[in-house]
Protein backbone atom coordinates (compact mmCIF):
# COMPACT_ATOMS: atom_id res chain seq x y z
CA MET A 1 15.41 -11.10 -9.07
CA ARG A 2 12.55 -9.91 -11.24
CA LEU A 3 10.90 -6.62 -10.39
CA THR A 4 7.57 -8.34 -9.74
CA ASP A 5 9.29 -10.64 -7.25
CA PHE A 6 10.88 -7.65 -5.55
CA TRP A 7 7.52 -5.90 -5.06
CA ALA A 8 5.86 -9.11 -3.89
CA ARG A 9 8.57 -9.60 -1.24
CA LEU A 10 8.35 -5.98 -0.13
CA GLU A 11 4.57 -6.30 0.27
CA GLN A 12 4.93 -9.57 2.20
CA ALA A 13 7.43 -7.98 4.56
CA PHE A 14 5.64 -4.65 5.13
CA GLY A 15 2.07 -5.11 3.93
CA PRO A 16 0.66 -3.62 0.72
CA ALA A 17 0.02 -0.08 1.97
CA TYR A 18 3.18 0.34 4.02
CA ALA A 19 5.41 -1.15 1.29
CA GLY A 20 4.50 1.70 -1.03
CA SER A 21 5.26 4.24 1.65
CA ILE A 22 8.62 2.64 2.47
CA ALA A 23 9.55 2.56 -1.22
CA ALA A 24 8.68 6.19 -1.83
CA ASP A 25 9.61 7.90 1.43
CA GLN A 26 12.40 6.05 3.23
CA VAL A 27 15.92 7.09 2.23
CA LEU A 28 18.39 4.23 2.67
CA PRO A 29 22.10 4.93 3.17
CA GLN A 30 22.86 1.57 1.54
CA LEU A 31 21.36 2.96 -1.68
CA GLY A 32 23.49 6.08 -1.72
CA GLY A 33 20.92 8.18 0.09
CA ARG A 34 18.13 7.31 -2.33
CA THR A 35 14.72 5.83 -1.78
CA ILE A 36 13.87 2.37 -3.08
CA ARG A 37 11.89 3.88 -5.97
CA GLU A 38 14.70 6.28 -6.85
CA ALA A 39 17.26 3.47 -6.87
CA LEU A 40 15.10 1.25 -9.06
CA GLU A 41 14.30 4.11 -11.45
CA ALA A 42 18.04 4.86 -11.70
CA GLY A 43 18.59 1.29 -12.91
CA GLU A 44 19.93 -0.28 -9.73
CA GLU A 45 19.58 -4.06 -9.82
CA THR A 46 16.61 -5.33 -7.83
CA VAL A 47 18.76 -7.78 -5.89
CA VAL A 48 21.02 -4.92 -4.74
CA VAL A 49 17.99 -2.91 -3.64
CA TRP A 50 16.50 -5.94 -1.88
CA ARG A 51 19.73 -6.54 0.03
CA ALA A 52 19.65 -2.89 1.12
CA VAL A 53 16.08 -3.35 2.38
CA CYS A 54 17.10 -6.47 4.30
CA ALA A 55 20.05 -4.64 5.84
CA ALA A 56 17.96 -1.61 6.78
CA TYR A 57 15.10 -3.66 8.29
CA PRO A 58 16.62 -6.89 9.64
CA ASP A 59 13.81 -7.41 12.15
CA ARG A 60 11.10 -6.76 9.60
CA VAL A 61 12.14 -9.00 6.70
CA PRO A 62 11.53 -12.68 7.50
CA ALA A 63 14.34 -15.14 6.85
CA ARG A 64 12.24 -16.92 4.19
CA LEU A 65 12.24 -13.73 2.10
CA ARG A 66 15.95 -12.97 2.33
C-alpha cells in the first residue's frame, strides 16, 4: 500500500481533521506502543500500520477500506 493510499483511507475512515489527531496522538498496542506517525517514521510498512488501525477501530473502518 502506498503512503498516499494509507492517508486517504485514514481520512475516509475518520475524517480529515480527526485522522491527523489519531495518527499523532493515539498509541496502538499493535504497533508496539507507538503512534501511527511514529510507526511510519520508523519505517514500518504501511500495510502493517493499516492492519493495526483496522484492528484497533473495527467499528470505525468500513469493510470497503479494509
